[in-house]
Amino acid sequence: MEVVPVKVASVADRRSASLPPLDLFAGQVRRAADGWHAVLRIGAVDHRIWSKEPPLFGASYAAELPFDGDFDERAYAARRLWRAMNGRAPGPAFHQLSKQRRERLSAAIRALDAHSAGGSYRIIAEALFGKRRIPDRAWKTHDLRNRTIRLVQSGLALMRGGYRKLLRPERRGE
């Protein structure tokens, strides 16, 4: 989930008094070295907000969207926040993992846990796919053995920092 950077709107930026205020105090606010962070729950969606300055009660805020590599995500998050503030459905998150991808990640983490506990590939495969699917013979060349090894390798890659790719998916055309 992307963070929406905000700043207090100047008088010139306040075009409409009918806009709902962004009440940072309604959420969980914490101070960090880089500024103030808030998590606002509007409806069933958490919106993450960041400001360099401390929050002001009753102030109007404007989204601050720098033209950097994260512009698309921030603009989308700002639009979802704006829609939620105006009583509209925020829409889907910018990046959602498919059901197949979630299941594979879950299997990779389970395989990593079993591998870290000293489980053999055969034991891991039995836990993931069921003992009945694992052959007594020809295990060394069986597809589920290769699949189990790939799942363990995926889990190890996630453990070594690859989980960050889940937060910033590869963009098409780059």
C-alpha atoms as a PDB file:
ATOM      1  CA  MET A   1       0.000   0.000   0.000  1.00  0.00           C
ATOM      2  CA  GLU A   2       1.366   3.362  -1.002  1.00  0.00           C
ATOM      3  CA  VAL A   3       1.662   6.338   1.314  1.00  0.00           C
ATOM      4  CA  VAL A   4       0.074   9.655   0.347  1.00  0.00           C
ATOM      5  CA  PRO A   5       2.334  12.611   1.224  1.00  0.00           C
ATOM      6  CA  VAL A   6       0.284  15.625   2.325  1.00  0.00           C
ATOM      7  CA  LYS A   7       0.884  19.228   3.340  1.00  0.00           C
ATOM      8  CA  VAL A   8      -1.320  21.871   4.881  1.00  0.00           C
ATOM      9  CA  ALA A   9      -3.157  23.627   2.061  1.00  0.00           C
ATOM     10  CA  SER A  10      -2.602  27.339   1.732  1.00  0.00           C
ATOM     11  CA  VAL A  11      -5.562  29.726   1.617  1.00  0.00           C
ATOM     12  CA  ALA A  12      -5.236  29.858  -2.184  1.00  0.00           C
ATOM     13  CA  ASP A  13      -5.467  26.053  -2.371  1.00  0.00           C
ATOM     14  CA  ARG A  14      -8.788  25.977  -0.491  1.00  0.00           C
ATOM     15  CA  ARG A  15     -11.125  26.265  -3.456  1.00  0.00           C
ATOM     16  CA  SER A  16     -14.162  24.734  -1.829  1.00  0.00           C
ATOM     17  CA  ALA A  17     -15.261  24.850   1.782  1.00  0.00           C
ATOM     18  CA  SER A  18     -17.594  21.925   1.060  1.00  0.00           C
ATOM     19  CA  LEU A  19     -14.709  19.443   0.786  1.00  0.00           C
ATOM     20  CA  PRO A  20     -14.473  17.142   3.797  1.00  0.00           C
ATOM     21  CA  PRO A  21     -11.455  17.861   6.014  1.00  0.00           C
ATOM     22  CA  LEU A  22      -8.679  15.310   6.308  1.00  0.00           C
ATOM     23  CA  ASP A  23      -8.799  14.537  10.026  1.00  0.00           C
ATOM     24  CA  LEU A  24      -5.418  13.028  10.791  1.00  0.00           C
ATOM     25  CA  PHE A  25      -6.367  12.805  14.471  1.00  0.00           C
ATOM     26  CA  ALA A  26      -9.107  10.291  13.632  1.00  0.00           C
ATOM     27  CA  GLY A  27      -6.460   7.685  12.830  1.00  0.00           C
ATOM     28  CA  GLN A  28      -3.333   6.299  14.373  1.00  0.00           C
ATOM     29  CA  VAL A  29      -0.700   9.049  14.276  1.00  0.00           C
ATOM     30  CA  ARG A  30       2.953   8.571  15.116  1.00  0.00           C
ATOM     31  CA  ARG A  31       6.054  10.667  14.833  1.00  0.00           C
ATOM     32  CA  ALA A  32       9.110   9.312  13.032  1.00  0.00           C
ATOM     33  CA  ALA A  33      12.497  10.697  12.036  1.00  0.00           C
ATOM     34  CA  ASP A  34      11.187  11.688   8.598  1.00  0.00           C
ATOM     35  CA  GLY A  35       7.930  13.328   9.728  1.00  0.00           C
ATOM     36  CA  TRP A  36       4.455  12.297  10.845  1.00  0.00           C
ATOM     37  CA  HIS A  37       2.716   9.110   9.769  1.00  0.00           C
ATOM     38  CA  ALA A  38      -1.002   8.412  10.081  1.00  0.00           C
ATOM     39  CA  VAL A  39      -3.196   5.462   9.230  1.00  0.00           C
ATOM     40  CA  LEU A  40      -6.782   6.517   8.577  1.00  0.00           C
ATOM     41  CA  ARG A  41      -9.469   3.850   8.422  1.00  0.00           C
ATOM     42  CA  ILE A  42     -12.293   5.040   6.197  1.00  0.00           C
ATOM     43  CA  GLY A  43     -14.871   2.333   5.708  1.00  0.00           C
ATOM     44  CA  ALA A  44     -13.001  -0.952   5.458  1.00  0.00           C
ATOM     45  CA  VAL A  45      -9.839   0.532   3.905  1.00  0.00           C
ATOM     46  CA  ASP A  46      -6.693   1.785   5.636  1.00  0.00           C
ATOM     47  CA  HIS A  47      -5.140   4.866   4.044  1.00  0.00           C
ATOM     48  CA  ARG A  48      -1.546   5.777   4.912  1.00  0.00           C
ATOM     49  CA  ILE A  49      -0.674   9.455   5.117  1.00  0.00           C
ATOM     50  CA  TRP A  50       2.689  11.159   5.645  1.00  0.00           C
ATOM     51  CA  SER A  51       3.512  14.785   6.414  1.00  0.00           C
ATOM     52  CA  LYS A  52       6.767  16.600   7.151  1.00  0.00           C
ATOM     53  CA  GLU A  53       4.916  18.878   9.569  1.00  0.00           C
ATOM     54  CA  PRO A  54       2.932  17.883  12.670  1.00  0.00           C
ATOM     55  CA  PRO A  55      -0.799  17.469  12.047  1.00  0.00           C
ATOM     56  CA  LEU A  56      -3.003  20.495  12.693  1.00  0.00           C
ATOM     57  CA  PHE A  57      -6.513  20.065  14.015  1.00  0.00           C
ATOM     58  CA  GLY A  58      -9.123  21.299  11.508  1.00  0.00           C
ATOM     59  CA  ALA A  59      -6.588  22.102   8.788  1.00  0.00           C
ATOM     60  CA  SER A  60      -7.227  21.459   5.126  1.00  0.00           C
ATOM     61  CA  TYR A  61      -4.630  19.284   3.427  1.00  0.00           C
ATOM     62  CA  ALA A  62      -3.447  18.803  -0.125  1.00  0.00           C
ATOM     63  CA  ALA A  63      -1.738  15.744  -1.565  1.00  0.00           C
ATOM     64  CA  GLU A  64       1.863  16.392  -2.562  1.00  0.00           C
ATOM     65  CA  LEU A  65       2.806  14.133  -5.470  1.00  0.00           C
ATOM     66  CA  PRO A  66       6.410  14.401  -6.686  1.00  0.00           C
ATOM     67  CA  PHE A  67       7.151  13.267 -10.237  1.00  0.00           C
ATOM     68  CA  ASP A  68       9.323  10.319  -9.258  1.00  0.00           C
ATOM     69  CA  GLY A  69       9.313   6.578  -9.824  1.00  0.00           C
ATOM     70  CA  ASP A  70       6.419   6.107  -7.387  1.00  0.00           C
ATOM     71  CA  PHE A  71       4.137   8.758  -8.911  1.00  0.00           C
ATOM     72  CA  ASP A  72       1.628   6.262 -10.357  1.00  0.00           C
ATOM     73  CA  GLU A  73       1.174   4.480  -7.035  1.00  0.00           C
ATOM     74  CA  ARG A  74       0.939   7.703  -5.017  1.00  0.00           C
ATOM     75  CA  ALA A  75      -1.536   9.311  -7.423  1.00  0.00           C
ATOM     76  CA  TYR A  76      -3.685   6.187  -7.332  1.00  0.00           C
ATOM     77  CA  ALA A  77      -3.537   6.093  -3.508  1.00  0.00           C
ATOM     78  CA  ALA A  78      -4.419   9.803  -3.331  1.00  0.00           C
ATOM     79  CA  ARG A  79      -7.411   9.228  -5.599  1.00  0.00           C
ATOM     80  CA  ARG A  80      -8.596   6.303  -3.446  1.00  0.00           C
ATOM     81  CA  LEU A  81      -8.282   8.494  -0.344  1.00  0.00           C
ATOM     82  CA  TRP A  82     -10.186  11.343  -1.997  1.00  0.00           C
ATOM     83  CA  ARG A  83     -12.967   8.967  -3.079  1.00  0.00           C
ATOM     84  CA  ALA A  84     -13.242   7.497   0.444  1.00  0.00           C
ATOM     85  CA  MET A  85     -13.312  10.966   2.016  1.00  0.00           C
ATOM     86  CA  ASN A  86     -16.225  11.866  -0.253  1.00  0.00           C
ATOM     87  CA  GLY A  87     -18.251   8.783   0.673  1.00  0.00           C
ATOM     88  CA  ARG A  88     -17.532   6.902  -2.541  1.00  0.00           C
ATOM     89  CA  ALA A  89     -16.095   3.428  -2.917  1.00  0.00           C
ATOM     90  CA  PRO A  90     -12.307   3.786  -3.062  1.00  0.00           C
ATOM     91  CA  GLY A  91     -11.911   1.075  -5.693  1.00  0.00           C
ATOM     92  CA  PRO A  92      -9.377  -1.737  -5.783  1.00  0.00           C
ATOM     93  CA  ALA A  93      -5.851  -1.420  -4.451  1.00  0.00           C
ATOM     94  CA  PHE A  94      -3.228  -0.445  -7.009  1.00  0.00           C
ATOM     95  CA  HIS A  95      -1.514  -3.808  -6.882  1.00  0.00           C
ATOM     96  CA  GLN A  96      -3.281  -6.962  -5.788  1.00  0.00           C
ATOM     97  CA  LEU A  97      -1.784 -10.397  -5.943  1.00  0.00           C
ATOM     98  CA  SER A  98      -3.752 -12.980  -7.847  1.00  0.00           C
ATOM     99  CA  LYS A  99      -5.149 -15.964  -5.973  1.00  0.00           C
ATOM    100  CA  GLN A 100      -2.622 -18.232  -7.729  1.00  0.00           C
ATOM    101  CA  ARG A 101       0.282 -15.956  -6.712  1.00  0.00           C
ATOM    102  CA  ARG A 102      -0.914 -15.800  -3.077  1.00  0.00           C
ATOM    103  CA  GLU A 103      -1.180 -19.601  -2.969  1.00  0.00           C
ATOM    104  CA  ARG A 104       2.315 -19.994  -4.420  1.00  0.00           C
ATOM    105  CA  LEU A 105       3.780 -17.519  -1.918  1.00  0.00           C
ATOM    106  CA  SER A 106       2.042 -19.342   0.922  1.00  0.00           C
ATOM    107  CA  ALA A 107       3.438 -22.682  -0.288  1.00  0.00           C
ATOM    108  CA  ALA A 108       6.931 -21.153  -0.651  1.00  0.00           C
ATOM    109  CA  ILE A 109       6.851 -19.855   2.924  1.00  0.00           C
ATOM    110  CA  ARG A 110       5.593 -23.194   4.238  1.00  0.00           C
ATOM    111  CA  ALA A 111       8.330 -24.982   2.271  1.00  0.00           C
ATOM    112  CA  LEU A 112      10.940 -22.569   3.647  1.00  0.00           C
ATOM    113  CA  ASP A 113       9.746 -23.168   7.222  1.00  0.00           C
ATOM    114  CA  ALA A 114       9.933 -26.943   6.787  1.00  0.00           C
ATOM    115  CA  HIS A 115      13.357 -26.690   5.095  1.00  0.00           C
ATOM    116  CA  SER A 116      14.660 -24.447   7.896  1.00  0.00           C
ATOM    117  CA  ALA A 117      13.434 -27.022  10.430  1.00  0.00           C
ATOM    118  CA  GLY A 118      15.530 -29.683   8.674  1.00  0.00           C
ATOM    119  CA  GLY A 119      12.817 -31.371   6.626  1.00  0.00           C
ATOM    120  CA  SER A 120      13.846 -33.263   3.501  1.00  0.00           C
ATOM    121  CA  TYR A 121      12.336 -32.381   0.143  1.00  0.00           C
ATOM    122  CA  ARG A 122      10.262 -35.563   0.325  1.00  0.00           C
ATOM    123  CA  ILE A 123       8.821 -34.650   3.752  1.00  0.00           C
ATOM    124  CA  ILE A 124       8.114 -31.121   2.550  1.00  0.00           C
ATOM    125  CA  ALA A 125       6.369 -32.427  -0.571  1.00  0.00           C
ATOM    126  CA  GLU A 126       4.235 -34.790   1.529  1.00  0.00           C
ATOM    127  CA  ALA A 127       3.162 -31.875   3.728  1.00  0.00           C
ATOM    128  CA  LEU A 128       2.414 -29.586   0.776  1.00  0.00           C
ATOM    129  CA  PHE A 129       0.863 -31.996  -1.712  1.00  0.00           C
ATOM    130  CA  GLY A 130      -0.281 -34.951   0.385  1.00  0.00           C
ATOM    131  CA  LYS A 131       1.482 -38.240   1.015  1.00  0.00           C
ATOM    132  CA  ARG A 132      -0.672 -40.107  -1.526  1.00  0.00           C
ATOM    133  CA  ARG A 133       0.679 -37.991  -4.415  1.00  0.00           C
ATOM    134  CA  ILE A 134       4.314 -38.802  -3.608  1.00  0.00           C
ATOM    135  CA  PRO A 135       5.545 -41.996  -5.316  1.00  0.00           C
ATOM    136  CA  ASP A 136       7.481 -44.635  -3.395  1.00  0.00           C
ATOM    137  CA  ARG A 137       9.755 -45.089  -6.396  1.00  0.00           C
ATOM    138  CA  ALA A 138      10.999 -42.649  -8.994  1.00  0.00           C
ATOM    139  CA  TRP A 139      11.025 -39.793  -6.447  1.00  0.00           C
ATOM    140  CA  LYS A 140      14.293 -38.403  -7.817  1.00  0.00           C
ATOM    141  CA  THR A 141      12.707 -37.677 -11.199  1.00  0.00           C
ATOM    142  CA  HIS A 142       9.174 -36.855 -10.068  1.00  0.00           C
ATOM    143  CA  ASP A 143       7.644 -33.486 -10.951  1.00  0.00           C
ATOM    144  CA  LEU A 144       6.585 -32.789  -7.352  1.00  0.00           C
ATOM    145  CA  ARG A 145      10.206 -33.132  -6.206  1.00  0.00           C
ATOM    146  CA  ASN A 146      11.286 -30.464  -8.686  1.00  0.00           C
ATOM    147  CA  ARG A 147       8.324 -28.301  -7.728  1.00  0.00           C
ATOM    148  CA  THR A 148       9.181 -28.654  -4.020  1.00  0.00           C
ATOM    149  CA  ILE A 149      12.790 -27.658  -4.664  1.00  0.00           C
ATOM    150  CA  ARG A 150      11.617 -24.567  -6.586  1.00  0.00           C
ATOM    151  CA  LEU A 151       9.266 -23.646  -3.735  1.00  0.00           C
ATOM    152  CA  VAL A 152      12.094 -23.903  -1.197  1.00  0.00           C
ATOM    153  CA  GLN A 153      14.303 -21.782  -3.465  1.00  0.00           C
ATOM    154  CA  SER A 154      11.509 -19.205  -3.797  1.00  0.00           C
ATOM    155  CA  GLY A 155      11.117 -19.123  -0.022  1.00  0.00           C
ATOM    156  CA  LEU A 156      14.860 -18.627   0.429  1.00  0.00           C
ATOM    157  CA  ALA A 157      14.808 -15.784  -2.111  1.00  0.00           C
ATOM    158  CA  LEU A 158      11.941 -14.126  -0.214  1.00  0.00           C
ATOM    159  CA  MET A 159      13.856 -14.512   3.036  1.00  0.00           C
ATOM    160  CA  ARG A 160      16.927 -12.877   1.497  1.00  0.00           C
ATOM    161  CA  GLY A 161      15.023  -9.716   0.639  1.00  0.00           C
ATOM    162  CA  GLY A 162      12.970 -10.745  -2.364  1.00  0.00           C
ATOM    163  CA  TYR A 163       9.785 -10.013  -0.402  1.00  0.00           C
ATOM    164  CA  ARG A 164      10.356  -6.352  -1.246  1.00  0.00           C
ATOM    165  CA  LYS A 165       9.423  -7.145  -4.855  1.00  0.00           C
ATOM    166  CA  LEU A 166       5.921  -7.914  -3.600  1.00  0.00           C
ATOM    167  CA  LEU A 167       5.589  -4.276  -2.572  1.00  0.00           C
ATOM    168  CA  ARG A 168       6.946  -2.894  -5.817  1.00  0.00           C
ATOM    169  CA  PRO A 169       5.852  -5.202  -8.622  1.00  0.00           C
ATOM    170  CA  GLU A 170       7.673  -5.114 -11.922  1.00  0.00           C
ATOM    171  CA  ARG A 171       6.129  -2.689 -14.332  1.00  0.00           C
ATOM    172  CA  ARG A 172       5.323  -3.732 -17.843  1.00  0.00           C
ATOM    173  CA  GLY A 173       7.462  -2.141 -20.516  1.00  0.00           C
ATOM    174  CA  GLU A 174      10.387  -1.397 -18.196  1.00  0.00           C
END
